[in-house]
Amino acid sequence: MTIATLSDVLRPAVAGDYAVPGLVCLGWEDMRAYAMAAQAEGAPVILQAGPSCRAHTPLPVLGAMMRHLAETVSVPVVIHLDHGYTFEDCRAARDAGFTSLMFDGSRHPLAQNIHETARVAQLAHEAGISCEGEIGFVGYAGGEGSAGTDPGEAAIFARDSGVDAMAISVGNLHLQQDHQGGLDEPRIRAIEAVTQVPLVIHGGSGVPLAQRAHLAATSRIAKFNIGTELRMAFGRALRDAVAADPDLFDRVAILKDTHDPVFQAARAVMRGLGASGKA
């Protein structure tokens, strides 16, 4: 069994100058491709269930699926709740076998965010699992704007919340479909100067590949969440499968054609973050 906590994989990443991919899952086909990609690369991987995934599939089912995949590979696999918005979300994930709970209180004032995140951190630690929190709000491409992380507030949050990893807002955006963005490296260095916890970038798909690799190797950013670019690979493969045979109707046959493109795209992400061979 290779089920791991977030701390199990992020502490070595910080020490070893690489980052671990947090791969956003939407169903069995993509999470299986991610686990197999991690096995092929010899890389640790974080399988993430975010709000849209949880709206489609119940948490106990997701937990069982991810734990099954973790038991079939020999690399560390973290089973991670992404963007839990309530204490109840996080408690349900703990009960479903998740090994990492991300509480997102980033829209709240600092004191409220710390208080609510600390409750989840205590819940996680009592169960022997990990907690990720977020300070500063990460916006959405073409949607809600970001509120960048203040280094001074990050220092207080890291000290008082008890989190094992801290997501920050430094120019990153969710749902960005290209690599034309760019992270604010001076802000990252200012946050690093006043905190010690591993750092997390949400919306990693929008970060230029060269900057992703550079920061994975030279900063305390130990986790990049990658979703949009892998969803795009899945969508292209799905359209190609349907277009190639207008008479094809069996969903198992159609979805089978998505495996290799998503598998290869996930392997590329792992290599780009320097995680290959680090399991």
C-alpha atoms as a PDB file:
ATOM      1  CA  MET A   1       0.000   0.000   0.000  1.00  0.00           C
ATOM      2  CA  THR A   2       1.351   3.440  -0.958  1.00  0.00           C
ATOM      3  CA  ILE A   3      -1.277   5.739   0.543  1.00  0.00           C
ATOM      4  CA  ALA A   4       0.460   8.861   1.867  1.00  0.00           C
ATOM      5  CA  THR A   5      -0.353  12.132   3.581  1.00  0.00           C
ATOM      6  CA  LEU A   6       0.406  15.547   2.130  1.00  0.00           C
ATOM      7  CA  SER A   7       3.259  16.035   4.597  1.00  0.00           C
ATOM      8  CA  ASP A   8       4.770  12.692   3.563  1.00  0.00           C
ATOM      9  CA  VAL A   9       5.334  13.964   0.025  1.00  0.00           C
ATOM     10  CA  LEU A  10       5.804  17.721   0.461  1.00  0.00           C
ATOM     11  CA  ARG A  11       8.567  17.717   3.062  1.00  0.00           C
ATOM     12  CA  PRO A  12      10.888  15.651   0.809  1.00  0.00           C
ATOM     13  CA  ALA A  13       9.936  17.876  -2.142  1.00  0.00           C
ATOM     14  CA  VAL A  14      11.060  21.023  -0.331  1.00  0.00           C
ATOM     15  CA  ALA A  15      14.308  19.354   0.681  1.00  0.00           C
ATOM     16  CA  GLY A  16      14.873  17.824  -2.744  1.00  0.00           C
ATOM     17  CA  ASP A  17      14.157  20.884  -4.917  1.00  0.00           C
ATOM     18  CA  TYR A  18      11.165  19.540  -6.839  1.00  0.00           C
ATOM     19  CA  ALA A  19       7.392  19.849  -6.605  1.00  0.00           C
ATOM     20  CA  VAL A  20       4.614  17.280  -6.450  1.00  0.00           C
ATOM     21  CA  PRO A  21       1.666  17.566  -8.845  1.00  0.00           C
ATOM     22  CA  GLY A  22      -1.792  17.927  -7.346  1.00  0.00           C
ATOM     23  CA  LEU A  23      -3.859  16.516 -10.199  1.00  0.00           C
ATOM     24  CA  VAL A  24      -7.510  17.499 -10.360  1.00  0.00           C
ATOM     25  CA  CYS A  25      -9.745  14.452 -10.830  1.00  0.00           C
ATOM     26  CA  LEU A  26     -13.218  14.391 -12.326  1.00  0.00           C
ATOM     27  CA  GLY A  27     -13.789  10.654 -12.642  1.00  0.00           C
ATOM     28  CA  TRP A  28     -12.364   7.167 -12.795  1.00  0.00           C
ATOM     29  CA  GLU A  29     -10.742   7.508 -16.219  1.00  0.00           C
ATOM     30  CA  ASP A  30      -8.579  10.499 -15.390  1.00  0.00           C
ATOM     31  CA  MET A  31      -7.608   9.440 -11.853  1.00  0.00           C
ATOM     32  CA  ARG A  32      -6.574   6.005 -13.138  1.00  0.00           C
ATOM     33  CA  ALA A  33      -4.456   7.635 -15.864  1.00  0.00           C
ATOM     34  CA  TYR A  34      -2.804   9.861 -13.235  1.00  0.00           C
ATOM     35  CA  ALA A  35      -1.967   6.939 -10.944  1.00  0.00           C
ATOM     36  CA  MET A  36      -0.528   4.960 -13.853  1.00  0.00           C
ATOM     37  CA  ALA A  37       1.477   7.995 -14.995  1.00  0.00           C
ATOM     38  CA  ALA A  38       2.939   8.355 -11.500  1.00  0.00           C
ATOM     39  CA  GLN A  39       3.884   4.677 -11.517  1.00  0.00           C
ATOM     40  CA  ALA A  40       5.533   5.025 -14.932  1.00  0.00           C
ATOM     41  CA  GLU A  41       7.470   8.120 -13.826  1.00  0.00           C
ATOM     42  CA  GLY A  42       8.348   6.837 -10.357  1.00  0.00           C
ATOM     43  CA  ALA A  43       6.797  10.009  -8.987  1.00  0.00           C
ATOM     44  CA  PRO A  44       4.660  10.834  -5.953  1.00  0.00           C
ATOM     45  CA  VAL A  45       1.222  12.140  -6.892  1.00  0.00           C
ATOM     46  CA  ILE A  46      -1.693  13.901  -5.216  1.00  0.00           C
ATOM     47  CA  LEU A  47      -5.143  12.873  -6.469  1.00  0.00           C
ATOM     48  CA  GLN A  48      -7.532  15.751  -5.812  1.00  0.00           C
ATOM     49  CA  ALA A  49     -11.319  15.830  -5.504  1.00  0.00           C
ATOM     50  CA  GLY A  50     -12.584  19.371  -5.908  1.00  0.00           C
ATOM     51  CA  PRO A  51     -16.113  20.766  -5.693  1.00  0.00           C
ATOM     52  CA  SER A  52     -17.167  19.854  -9.256  1.00  0.00           C
ATOM     53  CA  CYS A  53     -15.888  16.302  -8.801  1.00  0.00           C
ATOM     54  CA  ARG A  54     -17.734  15.960  -5.490  1.00  0.00           C
ATOM     55  CA  ALA A  55     -20.938  17.303  -7.047  1.00  0.00           C
ATOM     56  CA  HIS A  56     -20.805  14.456  -9.572  1.00  0.00           C
ATOM     57  CA  THR A  57     -19.629  11.588  -7.347  1.00  0.00           C
ATOM     58  CA  PRO A  58     -20.141  11.153  -3.570  1.00  0.00           C
ATOM     59  CA  LEU A  59     -17.103  11.500  -1.321  1.00  0.00           C
ATOM     60  CA  PRO A  60     -17.215   7.895  -0.026  1.00  0.00           C
ATOM     61  CA  VAL A  61     -17.094   6.620  -3.605  1.00  0.00           C
ATOM     62  CA  LEU A  62     -14.214   8.934  -4.510  1.00  0.00           C
ATOM     63  CA  GLY A  63     -12.298   7.917  -1.402  1.00  0.00           C
ATOM     64  CA  ALA A  64     -12.717   4.227  -2.197  1.00  0.00           C
ATOM     65  CA  MET A  65     -11.683   4.716  -5.844  1.00  0.00           C
ATOM     66  CA  MET A  66      -8.577   6.687  -4.959  1.00  0.00           C
ATOM     67  CA  ARG A  67      -7.540   4.307  -2.188  1.00  0.00           C
ATOM     68  CA  HIS A  68      -7.933   1.389  -4.582  1.00  0.00           C
ATOM     69  CA  LEU A  69      -5.651   3.088  -7.106  1.00  0.00           C
ATOM     70  CA  ALA A  70      -3.103   3.874  -4.388  1.00  0.00           C
ATOM     71  CA  GLU A  71      -3.021   0.201  -3.457  1.00  0.00           C
ATOM     72  CA  THR A  72      -2.306  -0.861  -7.047  1.00  0.00           C
ATOM     73  CA  VAL A  73       0.839   1.254  -7.547  1.00  0.00           C
ATOM     74  CA  SER A  74       4.140   1.399  -5.693  1.00  0.00           C
ATOM     75  CA  VAL A  75       4.535   5.208  -5.546  1.00  0.00           C
ATOM     76  CA  PRO A  76       3.140   7.497  -2.825  1.00  0.00           C
ATOM     77  CA  VAL A  77      -0.440   8.596  -3.533  1.00  0.00           C
ATOM     78  CA  VAL A  78      -2.119  11.330  -1.505  1.00  0.00           C
ATOM     79  CA  ILE A  79      -5.927  11.337  -1.427  1.00  0.00           C
ATOM     80  CA  HIS A  80      -6.730  15.016  -1.166  1.00  0.00           C
ATOM     81  CA  LEU A  81      -9.882  17.063  -0.635  1.00  0.00           C
ATOM     82  CA  ASP A  82      -9.478  20.220  -2.718  1.00  0.00           C
ATOM     83  CA  HIS A  83     -11.403  23.362  -1.718  1.00  0.00           C
ATOM     84  CA  GLY A  84     -13.394  22.120   1.215  1.00  0.00           C
ATOM     85  CA  TYR A  85     -15.518  25.124   2.106  1.00  0.00           C
ATOM     86  CA  THR A  86     -16.941  23.948   5.438  1.00  0.00           C
ATOM     87  CA  PHE A  87     -15.825  21.967   8.448  1.00  0.00           C
ATOM     88  CA  GLU A  88     -18.484  19.413   7.518  1.00  0.00           C
ATOM     89  CA  ASP A  89     -16.950  19.003   4.015  1.00  0.00           C
ATOM     90  CA  CYS A  90     -13.615  18.228   5.623  1.00  0.00           C
ATOM     91  CA  ARG A  91     -15.000  15.880   8.253  1.00  0.00           C
ATOM     92  CA  ALA A  92     -16.872  13.932   5.548  1.00  0.00           C
ATOM     93  CA  ALA A  93     -13.645  13.589   3.547  1.00  0.00           C
ATOM     94  CA  ARG A  94     -11.771  12.357   6.607  1.00  0.00           C
ATOM     95  CA  ASP A  95     -14.494   9.776   7.183  1.00  0.00           C
ATOM     96  CA  ALA A  96     -14.284   8.734   3.511  1.00  0.00           C
ATOM     97  CA  GLY A  97     -10.601   7.834   3.807  1.00  0.00           C
ATOM     98  CA  PHE A  98      -8.957  10.994   2.477  1.00  0.00           C
ATOM     99  CA  THR A  99      -5.428  11.596   3.747  1.00  0.00           C
ATOM    100  CA  SER A 100      -5.308  15.343   3.165  1.00  0.00           C
ATOM    101  CA  LEU A 101      -7.896  18.052   3.770  1.00  0.00           C
ATOM    102  CA  MET A 102      -7.745  21.455   2.089  1.00  0.00           C
ATOM    103  CA  PHE A 103      -9.928  24.019   3.823  1.00  0.00           C
ATOM    104  CA  ASP A 104     -10.504  27.121   1.703  1.00  0.00           C
ATOM    105  CA  GLY A 105     -11.248  30.102   3.909  1.00  0.00           C
ATOM    106  CA  SER A 106      -9.563  32.528   1.528  1.00  0.00           C
ATOM    107  CA  ARG A 107     -12.678  34.677   1.097  1.00  0.00           C
ATOM    108  CA  HIS A 108     -12.882  35.269   4.860  1.00  0.00           C
ATOM    109  CA  PRO A 109     -11.127  37.951   6.927  1.00  0.00           C
ATOM    110  CA  LEU A 110      -7.776  36.811   8.274  1.00  0.00           C
ATOM    111  CA  ALA A 111      -8.909  36.057  11.837  1.00  0.00           C
ATOM    112  CA  GLN A 112     -11.898  34.010  10.662  1.00  0.00           C
ATOM    113  CA  ASN A 113      -9.788  32.164   8.102  1.00  0.00           C
ATOM    114  CA  ILE A 114      -7.236  31.248  10.770  1.00  0.00           C
ATOM    115  CA  HIS A 115      -9.899  30.141  13.252  1.00  0.00           C
ATOM    116  CA  GLU A 116     -11.768  27.925  10.785  1.00  0.00           C
ATOM    117  CA  THR A 117      -8.616  26.514   9.196  1.00  0.00           C
ATOM    118  CA  ALA A 118      -7.179  25.690  12.615  1.00  0.00           C
ATOM    119  CA  ARG A 119     -10.286  23.616  13.422  1.00  0.00           C
ATOM    120  CA  VAL A 120      -9.740  21.592  10.252  1.00  0.00           C
ATOM    121  CA  ALA A 121      -6.013  21.255  10.954  1.00  0.00           C
ATOM    122  CA  GLN A 122      -6.824  19.852  14.390  1.00  0.00           C
ATOM    123  CA  LEU A 123      -9.379  17.474  12.859  1.00  0.00           C
ATOM    124  CA  ALA A 124      -6.780  16.293  10.348  1.00  0.00           C
ATOM    125  CA  HIS A 125      -3.946  15.893  12.819  1.00  0.00           C
ATOM    126  CA  GLU A 126      -6.069  13.955  15.274  1.00  0.00           C
ATOM    127  CA  ALA A 127      -6.727  11.505  12.444  1.00  0.00           C
ATOM    128  CA  GLY A 128      -3.034  11.326  11.473  1.00  0.00           C
ATOM    129  CA  ILE A 129      -3.573  13.127   8.160  1.00  0.00           C
ATOM    130  CA  SER A 130      -2.609  16.530   6.708  1.00  0.00           C
ATOM    131  CA  CYS A 131      -4.210  19.927   6.217  1.00  0.00           C
ATOM    132  CA  GLU A 132      -3.718  22.581   3.534  1.00  0.00           C
ATOM    133  CA  GLY A 133      -5.026  26.122   3.962  1.00  0.00           C
ATOM    134  CA  GLU A 134      -5.166  29.178   1.724  1.00  0.00           C
ATOM    135  CA  ILE A 135      -4.298  32.798   2.419  1.00  0.00           C
ATOM    136  CA  GLY A 136      -5.053  35.315  -0.299  1.00  0.00           C
ATOM    137  CA  PHE A 137      -7.734  34.592  -2.873  1.00  0.00           C
ATOM    138  CA  VAL A 138      -6.936  32.956  -6.222  1.00  0.00           C
ATOM    139  CA  GLY A 139      -9.351  34.196  -8.885  1.00  0.00           C
ATOM    140  CA  TYR A 140     -10.626  32.726 -12.117  1.00  0.00           C
ATOM    141  CA  ALA A 141      -9.654  33.408 -15.727  1.00  0.00           C
ATOM    142  CA  GLY A 142     -12.424  35.558 -17.166  1.00  0.00           C
ATOM    143  CA  GLY A 143     -14.193  35.657 -13.802  1.00  0.00           C
ATOM    144  CA  GLU A 144     -13.738  36.643 -10.181  1.00  0.00           C
ATOM    145  CA  GLY A 145     -10.538  38.581  -9.580  1.00  0.00           C
ATOM    146  CA  SER A 146      -7.712  37.631  -7.247  1.00  0.00           C
ATOM    147  CA  ALA A 147      -6.634  39.168  -3.952  1.00  0.00           C
ATOM    148  CA  GLY A 148      -2.887  38.679  -3.659  1.00  0.00           C
ATOM    149  CA  THR A 149      -1.334  37.170  -0.557  1.00  0.00           C
ATOM    150  CA  ASP A 150       0.136  39.702   1.842  1.00  0.00           C
ATOM    151  CA  PRO A 151       3.446  38.338   3.221  1.00  0.00           C
ATOM    152  CA  GLY A 152       2.739  39.677   6.701  1.00  0.00           C
ATOM    153  CA  GLU A 153      -0.667  37.995   6.803  1.00  0.00           C
ATOM    154  CA  ALA A 154       0.889  34.808   5.411  1.00  0.00           C
ATOM    155  CA  ALA A 155       3.331  34.749   8.339  1.00  0.00           C
ATOM    156  CA  ILE A 156       0.488  35.045  10.855  1.00  0.00           C
ATOM    157  CA  PHE A 157      -1.625  32.452   9.043  1.00  0.00           C
ATOM    158  CA  ALA A 158       1.212  29.942   8.837  1.00  0.00           C
ATOM    159  CA  ARG A 159       2.040  30.420  12.517  1.00  0.00           C
ATOM    160  CA  ASP A 160      -1.469  30.295  13.945  1.00  0.00           C
ATOM    161  CA  SER A 161      -3.474  27.957  11.683  1.00  0.00           C
ATOM    162  CA  GLY A 162      -1.362  24.821  12.114  1.00  0.00           C
ATOM    163  CA  VAL A 163      -1.455  23.936   8.422  1.00  0.00           C
ATOM    164  CA  ASP A 164       0.992  21.525   6.803  1.00  0.00           C
ATOM    165  CA  ALA A 165       0.915  23.421   3.482  1.00  0.00           C
ATOM    166  CA  MET A 166      -0.179  26.915   2.517  1.00  0.00           C
ATOM    167  CA  ALA A 167      -1.744  27.917  -0.799  1.00  0.00           C
ATOM    168  CA  ILE A 168      -0.918  31.463  -1.886  1.00  0.00           C
ATOM    169  CA  SER A 169      -2.149  33.980  -4.444  1.00  0.00           C
ATOM    170  CA  VAL A 170       0.792  35.376  -6.401  1.00  0.00           C
ATOM    171  CA  GLY A 171      -0.571  35.984  -9.902  1.00  0.00           C
ATOM    172  CA  ASN A 172      -2.004  32.501 -10.427  1.00  0.00           C
ATOM    173  CA  LEU A 173      -5.549  31.959 -11.743  1.00  0.00           C
ATOM    174  CA  HIS A 174      -7.903  29.009 -11.835  1.00  0.00           C
ATOM    175  CA  LEU A 175      -9.140  27.734 -15.228  1.00  0.00           C
ATOM    176  CA  GLN A 176      -6.511  29.488 -17.357  1.00  0.00           C
ATOM    177  CA  GLN A 177      -6.250  27.685 -20.701  1.00  0.00           C
ATOM    178  CA  ASP A 178      -2.786  28.815 -21.751  1.00  0.00           C
ATOM    179  CA  HIS A 179       0.642  29.249 -20.186  1.00  0.00           C
ATOM    180  CA  GLN A 180       0.765  32.990 -20.779  1.00  0.00           C
ATOM    181  CA  GLY A 181       0.440  34.074 -17.167  1.00  0.00           C
ATOM    182  CA  GLY A 182       3.310  34.411 -14.784  1.00  0.00           C
ATOM    183  CA  LEU A 183       3.806  34.330 -11.053  1.00  0.00           C
ATOM    184  CA  ASP A 184       5.044  37.255  -8.979  1.00  0.00           C
ATOM    185  CA  GLU A 185       8.426  35.926  -7.877  1.00  0.00           C
ATOM    186  CA  PRO A 186       9.319  38.862  -5.607  1.00  0.00           C
ATOM    187  CA  ARG A 187       6.077  38.271  -3.691  1.00  0.00           C
ATOM    188  CA  ILE A 188       6.881  34.554  -3.456  1.00  0.00           C
ATOM    189  CA  ARG A 189      10.339  35.328  -2.054  1.00  0.00           C
ATOM    190  CA  ALA A 190       8.839  37.771   0.448  1.00  0.00           C
ATOM    191  CA  ILE A 191       6.436  35.055   1.662  1.00  0.00           C
ATOM    192  CA  GLU A 192       9.264  32.537   1.870  1.00  0.00           C
ATOM    193  CA  ALA A 193      11.269  34.954   3.992  1.00  0.00           C
ATOM    194  CA  VAL A 194       8.664  34.968   6.778  1.00  0.00           C
ATOM    195  CA  THR A 195       7.241  31.410   6.665  1.00  0.00           C
ATOM    196  CA  GLN A 196       8.532  27.857   6.800  1.00  0.00           C
ATOM    197  CA  VAL A 197       5.591  25.733   5.576  1.00  0.00           C
ATOM    198  CA  PRO A 198       5.593  24.207   2.075  1.00  0.00           C
ATOM    199  CA  LEU A 199       3.804  26.478  -0.402  1.00  0.00           C
ATOM    200  CA  VAL A 200       1.106  25.552  -2.917  1.00  0.00           C
ATOM    201  CA  ILE A 201       0.097  27.092  -6.238  1.00  0.00           C
ATOM    202  CA  HIS A 202      -3.503  26.644  -7.317  1.00  0.00           C
ATOM    203  CA  GLY A 203      -4.248  27.261 -10.989  1.00  0.00           C
ATOM    204  CA  GLY A 204      -0.879  25.838 -12.000  1.00  0.00           C
ATOM    205  CA  SER A 205      -2.003  25.181 -15.576  1.00  0.00           C
ATOM    206  CA  GLY A 206      -1.681  28.888 -16.339  1.00  0.00           C
ATOM    207  CA  VAL A 207       1.931  29.160 -15.159  1.00  0.00           C
ATOM    208  CA  PRO A 208       4.548  29.169 -17.950  1.00  0.00           C
ATOM    209  CA  LEU A 209       6.239  25.778 -18.084  1.00  0.00           C
ATOM    210  CA  ALA A 210       9.717  27.205 -17.638  1.00  0.00           C
ATOM    211  CA  GLN A 211       8.642  29.153 -14.564  1.00  0.00           C
ATOM    212  CA  ARG A 212       6.926  26.077 -13.123  1.00  0.00           C
ATOM    213  CA  ALA A 213      10.157  24.131 -13.465  1.00  0.00           C
ATOM    214  CA  HIS A 214      12.267  26.996 -12.095  1.00  0.00           C
ATOM    215  CA  LEU A 215      10.125  27.522  -9.008  1.00  0.00           C
ATOM    216  CA  ALA A 216       9.827  23.803  -8.337  1.00  0.00           C
ATOM    217  CA  ALA A 217      13.624  23.632  -8.224  1.00  0.00           C
ATOM    218  CA  THR A 218      14.445  26.902  -6.450  1.00  0.00           C
ATOM    219  CA  SER A 219      11.570  27.832  -4.136  1.00  0.00           C
ATOM    220  CA  ARG A 220       9.563  26.339  -1.306  1.00  0.00           C
ATOM    221  CA  ILE A 221       6.616  25.827  -3.653  1.00  0.00           C
ATOM    222  CA  ALA A 222       6.235  22.075  -3.264  1.00  0.00           C
ATOM    223  CA  LYS A 223       2.826  21.509  -4.870  1.00  0.00           C
ATOM    224  CA  PHE A 224       1.374  22.756  -8.140  1.00  0.00           C
ATOM    225  CA  ASN A 225      -2.316  22.048  -8.735  1.00  0.00           C
ATOM    226  CA  ILE A 226      -2.855  21.085 -12.357  1.00  0.00           C
ATOM    227  CA  GLY A 227      -6.353  20.659 -13.728  1.00  0.00           C
ATOM    228  CA  THR A 228      -7.263  22.665 -16.813  1.00  0.00           C
ATOM    229  CA  GLU A 229      -4.482  21.440 -19.102  1.00  0.00           C
ATOM    230  CA  LEU A 230      -5.305  17.817 -18.260  1.00  0.00           C
ATOM    231  CA  ARG A 231      -9.033  18.380 -18.734  1.00  0.00           C
ATOM    232  CA  MET A 232      -8.221  19.877 -22.134  1.00  0.00           C
ATOM    233  CA  ALA A 233      -6.230  16.759 -23.061  1.00  0.00           C
ATOM    234  CA  PHE A 234      -9.164  14.586 -21.992  1.00  0.00           C
ATOM    235  CA  GLY A 235     -11.650  16.714 -23.956  1.00  0.00           C
ATOM    236  CA  ARG A 236      -9.589  16.656 -27.144  1.00  0.00           C
ATOM    237  CA  ALA A 237      -9.212  12.886 -26.933  1.00  0.00           C
ATOM    238  CA  LEU A 238     -12.933  12.444 -26.337  1.00  0.00           C
ATOM    239  CA  ARG A 239     -13.864  14.586 -29.335  1.00  0.00           C
ATOM    240  CA  ASP A 240     -11.356  12.762 -31.533  1.00  0.00           C
ATOM    241  CA  ALA A 241     -12.744   9.367 -30.492  1.00  0.00           C
ATOM    242  CA  VAL A 242     -16.312  10.336 -31.314  1.00  0.00           C
ATOM    243  CA  ALA A 243     -15.385  12.067 -34.577  1.00  0.00           C
ATOM    244  CA  ALA A 244     -13.323   9.085 -35.762  1.00  0.00           C
ATOM    245  CA  ASP A 245     -16.325   6.760 -35.746  1.00  0.00           C
ATOM    246  CA  PRO A 246     -19.810   8.315 -35.989  1.00  0.00           C
ATOM    247  CA  ASP A 247     -21.361   4.928 -35.246  1.00  0.00           C
ATOM    248  CA  LEU A 248     -19.504   4.486 -31.959  1.00  0.00           C
ATOM    249  CA  PHE A 249     -21.898   4.644 -29.020  1.00  0.00           C
ATOM    250  CA  ASP A 250     -20.475   2.481 -26.247  1.00  0.00           C
ATOM    251  CA  ARG A 251     -19.121   4.731 -23.496  1.00  0.00           C
ATOM    252  CA  VAL A 252     -16.500   2.202 -22.399  1.00  0.00           C
ATOM    253  CA  ALA A 253     -15.069   2.063 -25.920  1.00  0.00           C
ATOM    254  CA  ILE A 254     -15.150   5.847 -26.258  1.00  0.00           C
ATOM    255  CA  LEU A 255     -13.555   6.553 -22.891  1.00  0.00           C
ATOM    256  CA  LYS A 256     -10.830   3.982 -23.510  1.00  0.00           C
ATOM    257  CA  ASP A 257      -9.452   6.321 -26.161  1.00  0.00           C
ATOM    258  CA  THR A 258      -8.924   9.072 -23.599  1.00  0.00           C
ATOM    259  CA  HIS A 259      -6.476   7.066 -21.519  1.00  0.00           C
ATOM    260  CA  ASP A 260      -3.221   7.418 -23.424  1.00  0.00           C
ATOM    261  CA  PRO A 261      -3.432  11.188 -24.116  1.00  0.00           C
ATOM    262  CA  VAL A 262      -4.227  11.935 -20.457  1.00  0.00           C
ATOM    263  CA  PHE A 263      -1.587   9.457 -19.257  1.00  0.00           C
ATOM    264  CA  GLN A 264       1.072  11.131 -21.414  1.00  0.00           C
ATOM    265  CA  ALA A 265      -0.017  14.648 -20.425  1.00  0.00           C
ATOM    266  CA  ALA A 266       0.217  13.729 -16.735  1.00  0.00           C
ATOM    267  CA  ARG A 267       3.676  12.234 -17.239  1.00  0.00           C
ATOM    268  CA  ALA A 268       4.803  15.491 -18.839  1.00  0.00           C
ATOM    269  CA  VAL A 269       3.550  17.469 -15.826  1.00  0.00           C
ATOM    270  CA  MET A 270       5.492  15.225 -13.442  1.00  0.00           C
ATOM    271  CA  ARG A 271       8.692  15.511 -15.453  1.00  0.00           C
ATOM    272  CA  GLY A 272       8.289  19.290 -15.663  1.00  0.00           C
ATOM    273  CA  LEU A 273       8.117  19.613 -11.883  1.00  0.00           C
ATOM    274  CA  GLY A 274      11.183  17.431 -11.355  1.00  0.00           C
ATOM    275  CA  ALA A 275       9.118  14.774  -9.559  1.00  0.00           C
ATOM    276  CA  SER A 276      10.097  11.823 -11.765  1.00  0.00           C
ATOM    277  CA  GLY A 277      12.156   9.238  -9.933  1.00  0.00           C
ATOM    278  CA  LYS A 278      11.440  10.842  -6.550  1.00  0.00           C
ATOM    279  CA  ALA A 279       8.974   8.237  -5.260  1.00  0.00           C
END
